[in-house]
Protein backbone atom coordinates (compact mmCIF):
# COMPACT_ATOMS: atom_id res chain seq x y z
CA MET A 1 -168.91 -5.34 -144.33
CA SER A 2 -168.28 -2.32 -146.55
CA PRO A 3 -171.10 0.20 -146.93
CA GLN A 4 -172.96 0.35 -150.21
CA ARG A 5 -171.47 3.01 -152.45
CA VAL A 6 -173.52 4.77 -155.10
CA ARG A 7 -172.65 6.82 -158.16
CA PRO A 8 -175.38 9.48 -157.94
CA VAL A 9 -177.35 10.40 -154.81
CA SER A 10 -181.03 10.06 -155.53
CA ILE A 11 -183.39 13.01 -155.14
CA THR A 12 -185.41 10.96 -152.62
CA LEU A 13 -182.37 10.38 -150.43
CA LEU A 14 -181.42 14.05 -150.56
CA LEU A 15 -184.95 15.00 -149.53
CA ILE A 16 -184.78 12.61 -146.59
CA VAL A 17 -181.44 14.07 -145.49
CA SER A 18 -182.84 17.61 -145.84
CA LEU A 19 -185.88 16.69 -143.73
CA ILE A 20 -183.72 15.19 -140.99
CA TRP A 21 -181.53 18.30 -141.12
CA SER A 22 -184.58 20.56 -140.77
CA ILE A 23 -185.78 18.64 -137.71
CA ALA A 24 -182.30 18.90 -136.18
CA ALA A 25 -182.31 22.67 -136.71
CA VAL A 26 -184.90 23.24 -133.97
CA ALA A 27 -182.45 22.18 -131.28
CA ALA A 28 -179.41 23.75 -129.66
CA SER A 29 -177.43 26.72 -130.92
CA GLY A 30 -174.70 26.01 -133.43
CA GLU A 31 -172.06 28.29 -131.92
CA SER A 32 -168.57 26.83 -132.35
CA GLY A 33 -168.10 26.39 -128.61
CA SER A 34 -171.03 23.99 -128.43
CA PHE A 35 -169.10 21.56 -130.66
CA THR A 36 -165.91 21.70 -128.61
CA GLY A 37 -164.97 18.34 -127.10
CA ARG A 38 -164.77 14.69 -128.06
CA TRP A 39 -167.63 12.93 -129.81
CA ALA A 40 -168.60 9.29 -130.25
CA LEU A 41 -170.03 8.95 -133.76
CA HIS A 42 -172.55 6.13 -134.21
CA LEU A 43 -172.76 4.98 -137.83
CA PRO A 44 -175.33 2.58 -139.33
CA ASN A 45 -172.62 -0.07 -139.74
CA GLY A 46 -169.62 1.10 -137.78
CA ALA A 47 -168.11 3.60 -135.37
CA SER A 48 -166.13 6.81 -135.68
CA TRP A 49 -164.76 9.59 -133.45
CA LEU A 50 -164.32 13.34 -133.59
CA GLU A 51 -162.51 15.92 -131.46
CA VAL A 52 -163.11 19.66 -131.92
CA ARG A 53 -161.02 22.29 -130.15
CA GLN A 54 -159.94 25.93 -130.26
CA GLU A 55 -156.21 26.40 -130.89
CA GLU A 56 -154.45 29.74 -131.32
CA GLY A 57 -157.70 31.38 -132.36
CA PHE A 58 -158.54 28.68 -134.92
CA LEU A 59 -161.10 25.91 -134.90
CA ASP A 60 -159.22 22.64 -135.23
CA GLY A 61 -159.93 18.97 -134.85
CA ASP A 62 -159.04 15.32 -135.35
CA LEU A 63 -161.16 12.65 -136.98
CA LEU A 64 -161.22 8.88 -136.98
CA TRP A 65 -163.48 7.64 -139.75
CA ARG A 66 -164.23 3.94 -139.30
CA TRP A 67 -160.84 2.35 -140.00
CA GLY A 68 -157.18 3.33 -139.96
CA SER A 69 -155.70 6.10 -137.86
CA VAL A 70 -156.81 9.27 -136.15
CA THR A 71 -155.92 12.09 -138.56
CA PRO A 72 -155.90 15.90 -138.30
CA ALA A 73 -158.79 17.59 -140.10
CA ALA A 74 -157.89 19.49 -143.25
CA SER A 75 -160.31 22.22 -142.15
CA VAL A 76 -162.87 22.90 -139.43
CA LEU A 77 -165.31 25.77 -139.91
CA MET A 78 -168.75 27.02 -138.99
CA ASN A 79 -171.50 27.51 -141.58
CA GLY A 80 -174.41 29.06 -139.73
CA GLU A 81 -175.54 26.44 -137.23
CA SER A 82 -173.51 23.67 -138.86
CA LEU A 83 -169.95 22.59 -138.21
CA ILE A 84 -168.12 21.43 -141.34
CA VAL A 85 -165.05 19.22 -141.15
CA THR A 86 -163.04 18.13 -144.18
CA ARG A 87 -160.40 15.48 -144.54
CA ALA A 88 -157.99 15.42 -147.49
CA GLU A 89 -156.11 12.38 -148.79
CA GLU A 90 -153.51 12.51 -151.54
CA LYS A 91 -153.86 9.90 -154.28
CA GLU A 92 -151.14 9.31 -156.87
CA ARG A 93 -152.74 8.44 -160.19
CA ASN A 94 -149.63 7.40 -162.10
CA LYS A 95 -145.82 7.51 -161.85
CA ASP A 96 -142.85 7.78 -164.16
CA ALA A 97 -140.11 5.16 -164.54
CA ALA A 98 -138.27 6.61 -161.52
CA GLY A 99 -141.36 6.32 -159.33
CA LYS A 100 -142.14 10.06 -159.28
CA ALA A 101 -145.83 10.94 -159.32
CA LEU A 102 -146.96 12.37 -162.66
CA ARG A 103 -150.47 13.26 -161.47
CA THR A 104 -151.79 13.56 -157.93
CA HIS A 105 -155.37 14.10 -156.80
CA ILE A 106 -156.55 15.46 -153.46
CA MET A 107 -159.59 13.40 -152.49
CA THR A 108 -161.69 15.41 -150.02
CA SER A 109 -164.20 13.91 -147.62
CA TRP A 110 -166.89 16.25 -146.29
CA PHE A 111 -168.55 15.92 -142.86
CA GLU A 112 -171.32 18.24 -141.64
CA PHE A 113 -172.60 18.29 -138.07
CA ARG A 114 -175.53 19.99 -136.38
CA MET A 115 -176.37 20.05 -132.68
CA THR A 116 -179.63 18.33 -131.65
CA GLY A 117 -179.15 18.83 -127.91
CA THR A 118 -176.52 19.91 -125.41
CA ASP A 119 -174.56 16.68 -125.80
CA GLU A 120 -175.92 15.21 -129.03
CA LEU A 121 -175.57 15.97 -132.70
CA MET A 122 -176.47 14.62 -136.11
CA GLY A 123 -174.19 14.46 -139.08
CA HIS A 124 -173.84 13.39 -142.65
CA ALA A 125 -170.74 12.43 -144.56
CA LEU A 126 -169.77 12.42 -148.22
CA VAL A 127 -166.73 10.19 -148.71
CA PRO A 128 -165.27 9.54 -152.20
CA ASP A 129 -163.79 6.29 -153.42
CA GLY A 130 -160.12 6.23 -154.29
CA ASP A 131 -160.70 7.01 -157.98
CA GLY A 132 -163.38 9.65 -157.37
CA LYS A 133 -165.95 7.80 -159.49
CA LYS A 134 -168.11 6.73 -156.58
CA TYR A 135 -168.90 8.12 -153.17
CA GLU A 136 -170.61 7.13 -149.97
CA LEU A 137 -173.34 9.23 -148.40
CA MET A 138 -174.05 8.41 -144.78
CA VAL A 139 -176.26 9.91 -142.10
CA PHE A 140 -175.25 9.28 -138.47
CA TRP A 141 -175.57 10.65 -134.94
CA GLY A 142 -173.08 11.55 -132.24
CA LYS A 143 -172.90 11.85 -128.47
CA ARG A 144 -170.45 13.94 -126.49
CA ILE A 145 -167.91 11.83 -124.59
CA PRO A 146 -167.61 12.74 -120.89
CA PRO A 147 -164.18 14.02 -119.79
CA LEU A 148 -161.61 11.41 -118.87
CA PRO A 149 -161.40 10.69 -115.13
CA PRO A 150 -158.09 10.86 -113.22
CA PRO A 151 -155.84 7.80 -113.58
CA PRO A 152 -157.14 4.95 -111.41
CA ASP A 153 -155.09 3.70 -108.47
CA LEU A 154 -154.30 0.24 -109.80
CA SER A 155 -152.96 -0.88 -106.42
CA LYS A 156 -156.50 -0.71 -105.03
CA ILE A 157 -158.45 -2.52 -107.71
CA LYS A 158 -159.79 -6.00 -107.04
CA PHE A 159 -160.18 -8.79 -109.56
CA GLY A 160 -162.76 -11.48 -110.04
CA LYS A 161 -162.18 -15.11 -110.89
CA PRO A 162 -159.82 -15.68 -113.86
CA ILE A 163 -161.50 -16.66 -117.13
CA ALA A 164 -159.63 -18.82 -119.63
CA LEU A 165 -160.62 -17.35 -123.00
CA PHE A 166 -159.01 -20.13 -125.04
CA ASN A 167 -159.26 -23.79 -124.04
CA GLY A 168 -156.35 -24.99 -126.20
CA LYS A 169 -158.60 -27.47 -128.02
CA ASP A 170 -161.10 -25.64 -130.23
CA LEU A 171 -162.85 -22.32 -130.83
CA THR A 172 -165.43 -22.77 -128.10
CA GLY A 173 -166.36 -19.33 -126.75
CA TRP A 174 -165.38 -17.54 -129.97
CA ARG A 175 -167.12 -16.62 -133.23
CA LEU A 176 -166.45 -14.60 -136.35
CA ILE A 177 -167.70 -11.02 -136.20
CA ASP A 178 -168.87 -11.32 -139.81
CA PRO A 179 -170.12 -14.89 -140.41
CA GLN A 180 -169.88 -14.31 -144.16
CA SER A 181 -166.09 -13.95 -143.96
CA LYS A 182 -163.68 -16.84 -144.35
CA ASN A 183 -162.29 -18.17 -141.08
CA GLY A 184 -158.49 -18.32 -140.95
CA PHE A 185 -158.40 -19.32 -137.27
CA HIS A 186 -157.81 -22.89 -136.17
CA VAL A 187 -156.24 -24.75 -133.25
CA GLU A 188 -152.94 -26.52 -133.72
CA ASN A 189 -151.03 -28.27 -130.91
CA GLY A 190 -152.79 -26.24 -128.23
CA VAL A 191 -152.18 -22.93 -130.04
CA LEU A 192 -154.74 -20.59 -131.63
CA VAL A 193 -153.38 -19.97 -135.13
CA ASN A 194 -154.61 -17.42 -137.64
CA ASP A 195 -153.31 -18.11 -141.14
CA PRO A 196 -155.07 -15.98 -143.78
CA VAL A 197 -153.58 -17.57 -146.87
CA GLN A 198 -153.85 -15.62 -150.12
CA GLU A 199 -153.25 -17.40 -153.42
CA GLU A 200 -151.06 -15.54 -155.89
CA GLY A 201 -152.88 -14.37 -158.97
CA LYS A 202 -156.31 -14.95 -157.47
CA PRO A 203 -158.81 -12.44 -155.99
CA HIS A 204 -158.13 -11.33 -152.43
CA ILE A 205 -159.92 -13.46 -149.85
CA HIS A 206 -161.45 -11.50 -146.97
CA TYR A 207 -160.72 -13.31 -143.71
CA GLY A 208 -162.81 -12.53 -140.67
CA ASN A 209 -161.99 -11.13 -137.25
CA LEU A 210 -162.55 -13.44 -134.29
CA ARG A 211 -164.29 -12.28 -131.10
CA THR A 212 -165.22 -13.73 -127.75
CA ILE A 213 -168.89 -14.51 -127.33
CA GLN A 214 -168.67 -13.22 -123.77
CA GLU A 215 -168.41 -9.48 -123.20
CA PHE A 216 -166.50 -7.66 -120.47
CA GLU A 217 -166.18 -4.34 -118.69
CA ASP A 218 -162.72 -3.43 -117.28
CA PHE A 219 -160.16 -6.21 -116.83
CA ASN A 220 -156.62 -7.50 -116.84
CA LEU A 221 -155.69 -9.66 -119.83
CA LYS A 222 -152.62 -11.87 -120.04
CA LEU A 223 -151.68 -13.76 -123.17
CA GLN A 224 -148.77 -14.90 -125.31
CA VAL A 225 -148.38 -14.09 -128.99
CA ASN A 226 -145.98 -15.21 -131.69
CA VAL A 227 -145.63 -12.97 -134.77
CA PRO A 228 -143.92 -14.39 -137.88
CA LYS A 229 -141.64 -12.12 -139.88
CA GLY A 230 -143.48 -9.24 -141.55
CA SER A 231 -146.84 -10.17 -140.05
CA ASN A 232 -149.30 -8.22 -137.94
CA SER A 233 -152.62 -8.40 -136.14
CA GLY A 234 -154.38 -6.58 -133.33
CA ILE A 235 -155.97 -7.30 -129.97
CA TYR A 236 -159.11 -5.21 -129.42
CA LEU A 237 -160.01 -4.48 -125.80
CA ARG A 238 -163.81 -4.52 -125.32
CA GLY A 239 -163.98 -4.30 -129.12
CA LEU A 240 -162.95 -0.63 -128.83
CA TYR A 241 -159.20 -0.14 -128.45
CA GLU A 242 -156.61 -1.95 -130.57
CA VAL A 243 -153.35 -3.06 -129.01
CA GLN A 244 -151.09 -3.43 -132.02
CA VAL A 245 -149.49 -6.81 -132.73
CA LEU A 246 -146.68 -6.39 -135.26
CA ASP A 247 -143.25 -7.65 -136.22
CA SER A 248 -141.63 -4.29 -135.43
CA TYR A 249 -138.42 -5.47 -133.73
CA GLY A 250 -135.63 -2.91 -134.22
CA LYS A 251 -137.95 -0.20 -135.52
CA PRO A 252 -138.40 3.25 -133.92
CA LEU A 253 -141.08 3.93 -131.31
CA ASP A 254 -144.49 4.43 -132.91
CA SER A 255 -148.11 4.04 -131.86
CA HIS A 256 -148.52 1.68 -134.84
CA HIS A 257 -145.83 -0.70 -133.57
CA MET A 258 -145.94 -3.65 -131.17
CA GLY A 259 -147.87 -2.91 -127.99
CA GLY A 260 -149.02 0.59 -128.99
CA ILE A 261 -152.65 1.65 -128.79
CA TYR A 262 -153.12 2.05 -132.53
CA SER A 263 -152.62 5.70 -133.57
CA ARG A 264 -153.40 6.74 -129.97
CA ILE A 265 -150.58 5.91 -127.55
CA THR A 266 -146.91 5.31 -128.40
CA PRO A 267 -144.99 2.90 -126.13
CA ALA A 268 -142.44 4.58 -123.86
CA VAL A 269 -139.82 1.94 -124.67
CA SER A 270 -139.31 -0.81 -127.25
CA ALA A 271 -139.74 -4.21 -125.64
CA GLU A 272 -140.67 -6.45 -128.57
CA LYS A 273 -138.72 -9.58 -129.46
CA PRO A 274 -137.60 -10.69 -132.93
CA ALA A 275 -140.09 -12.45 -135.20
CA ASP A 276 -141.12 -16.05 -134.47
CA GLU A 277 -140.52 -15.78 -130.71
CA TRP A 278 -143.23 -16.06 -128.08
CA GLN A 279 -143.96 -12.74 -126.40
CA ASP A 280 -145.88 -11.95 -123.21
CA PHE A 281 -148.62 -9.34 -122.92
CA ASP A 282 -150.03 -8.13 -119.59
CA ILE A 283 -152.75 -5.53 -120.30
CA THR A 284 -154.97 -3.70 -117.81
CA LEU A 285 -157.93 -1.59 -118.96
CA CYS A 286 -159.54 0.48 -116.19
CA ASP A 287 -161.61 3.70 -116.35
CA ARG A 288 -160.54 4.43 -119.95
CA HIS A 289 -156.88 4.15 -118.92
CA VAL A 290 -154.56 1.41 -120.15
CA THR A 291 -151.39 -0.23 -118.92
CA VAL A 292 -149.43 -2.48 -121.27
CA ILE A 293 -146.55 -4.64 -120.05
CA LEU A 294 -144.71 -6.36 -122.89
CA ASN A 295 -142.14 -9.04 -122.12
CA GLY A 296 -141.84 -7.80 -118.55
CA GLN A 297 -141.39 -4.10 -119.41
CA THR A 298 -144.06 -1.46 -118.83
CA ILE A 299 -144.39 0.25 -122.19
CA ILE A 300 -147.66 2.13 -121.46
CA ASP A 301 -148.20 3.15 -117.84
CA ASN A 302 -151.83 3.85 -116.87
CA GLN A 303 -152.31 6.26 -119.77
CA PRO A 304 -155.69 7.77 -120.80
CA ILE A 305 -157.25 6.69 -124.09
CA ASP A 306 -158.87 9.64 -125.86
CA GLY A 307 -161.26 7.48 -127.86
CA ILE A 308 -161.85 4.38 -129.92
CA THR A 309 -159.37 3.14 -132.52
CA GLY A 310 -160.02 2.24 -136.15
CA GLY A 311 -162.07 -0.91 -136.60
CA ALA A 312 -163.92 -0.54 -133.28
CA LEU A 313 -167.18 -2.46 -133.10
CA SER A 314 -168.96 0.37 -131.31
CA ALA A 315 -168.58 4.06 -130.49
CA ASP A 316 -169.89 3.49 -126.95
CA GLU A 317 -166.91 3.42 -124.59
CA PHE A 318 -169.09 2.67 -121.56
CA ALA A 319 -170.72 -0.58 -122.66
CA PRO A 320 -169.27 -4.06 -122.15
CA GLY A 321 -167.58 -5.56 -125.19
CA PRO A 322 -165.60 -8.57 -126.39
CA ILE A 323 -161.96 -9.28 -126.91
CA TYR A 324 -161.43 -9.53 -130.63
CA LEU A 325 -158.46 -10.54 -132.77
CA GLN A 326 -157.79 -9.20 -136.26
CA GLY A 327 -157.80 -11.97 -138.80
CA ASP A 328 -157.13 -10.44 -142.22
CA HIS A 329 -153.56 -9.13 -141.95
CA GLY A 330 -151.16 -12.02 -141.49
CA LYS A 331 -150.27 -15.23 -139.71
CA VAL A 332 -150.20 -14.85 -135.91
CA LEU A 333 -150.29 -17.39 -133.07
CA TYR A 334 -151.91 -16.97 -129.64
CA ARG A 335 -151.95 -19.04 -126.45
CA ASN A 336 -152.49 -18.86 -122.67
CA MET A 337 -155.21 -16.20 -122.86
CA VAL A 338 -156.55 -15.44 -119.37
CA LEU A 339 -158.79 -12.51 -118.39
CA LYS A 340 -159.51 -11.31 -114.85
CA PRO A 341 -162.48 -8.92 -114.61
CA ILE A 342 -162.11 -5.85 -112.40
CA LEU A 343 -164.71 -5.84 -109.64
CA LYS A 344 -166.73 -2.63 -109.32
CA ASN A 345 -167.16 -1.05 -105.90
C-alpha cells in the first residue's frame, strides 16, 4: 500500500520530528566513519537499504528506497552529526514531435541520518512525487548489517524433508500480501496461473502479490515457470531477495533479466528459453549467499547478496520469511514448487 502523501508538512509533525532528532543527538558521534557500512532501513510500511563508503577520498554510497533498483547516491555529505544522502531522478515534462525533451526537471529526494548507537541510527526522508506537487515525509530507523560471512560449503549442508508449496489443486498454503488487492492467481489444469488482466481505457487495477503462509530460513527451492512473451514476475526468497522472472531470451546479460538477483547480481551466462516454454529453476539460499541454476546451467554460483531488493517485505535479513510471487506485472505460470529447508548445525 502506498504511503500517504501530503502537500504541506504540518507544524505539529515538524515539531515531532525535531523532538525525535533532539533525542537522537545524545547518542554516538556523527563522524563519517561511524556511518560506513551497510544498513537495513526499517520503514513504517516497507523496507529500504543503504551503503556508505569512502572512495578516493570522497564519501559515497548506494541507496535502495522501497521499490525498484539499488542506485548510486547523487551526493553523500556530513552536516555536523548528521549524514545527508540525496538521490536525483530526471523527469521529462514534455517532448517535441521528434520525441526530444523540451523541459526536464531533476527531482531530488533528501535523506538525513543520525547515529543513535554504535550500530543503530534514525533517519527521515523527504521524497517528492513525480510532478513535484506533493511529497512524502517519513521517519524511520536503521540497523547496521553484519559483514557477509565466507561462502558456505554447499557440499556439506543437510536438508530437511521436502515441502510441496503448491498442491496443484487450489491456493491452500498461500495468501495475498495485501488482502485489499485484486487476486490474479488461480489454478488451471494443475498449474498456478497469474493473469493480471487490465481493461483498455479503464483505470489500472492493482493486483496483489501472493505469499506462502509458512515462513522459512535457508533452503533449496525447485520450481518450473512459464513466461509468455513480454511478461515478467519475480520470485522473492524469504520475502527479501527477488529472483527475476522475465521474457529476456536473446537479450544481453543483466541483473534485471531472467534468473538475476534484481539489481544485485547479474547471471554469469544466459540460460533462459524463449517465451511460452517451461523453464526449470533450482535455487539455494544459504548464509546470505545464493546459487541459481536455470535450465541446468549454473548462472549464479554461491554469490553473496549485499542486501534486500526492491519490494522486500522486511529489512531484517536474519528473520524467517515467505516465498512470494509478484502478481502485478504480467501473466506467468508456475508448477512443481518444492522447498527443502537447510538444517542448522
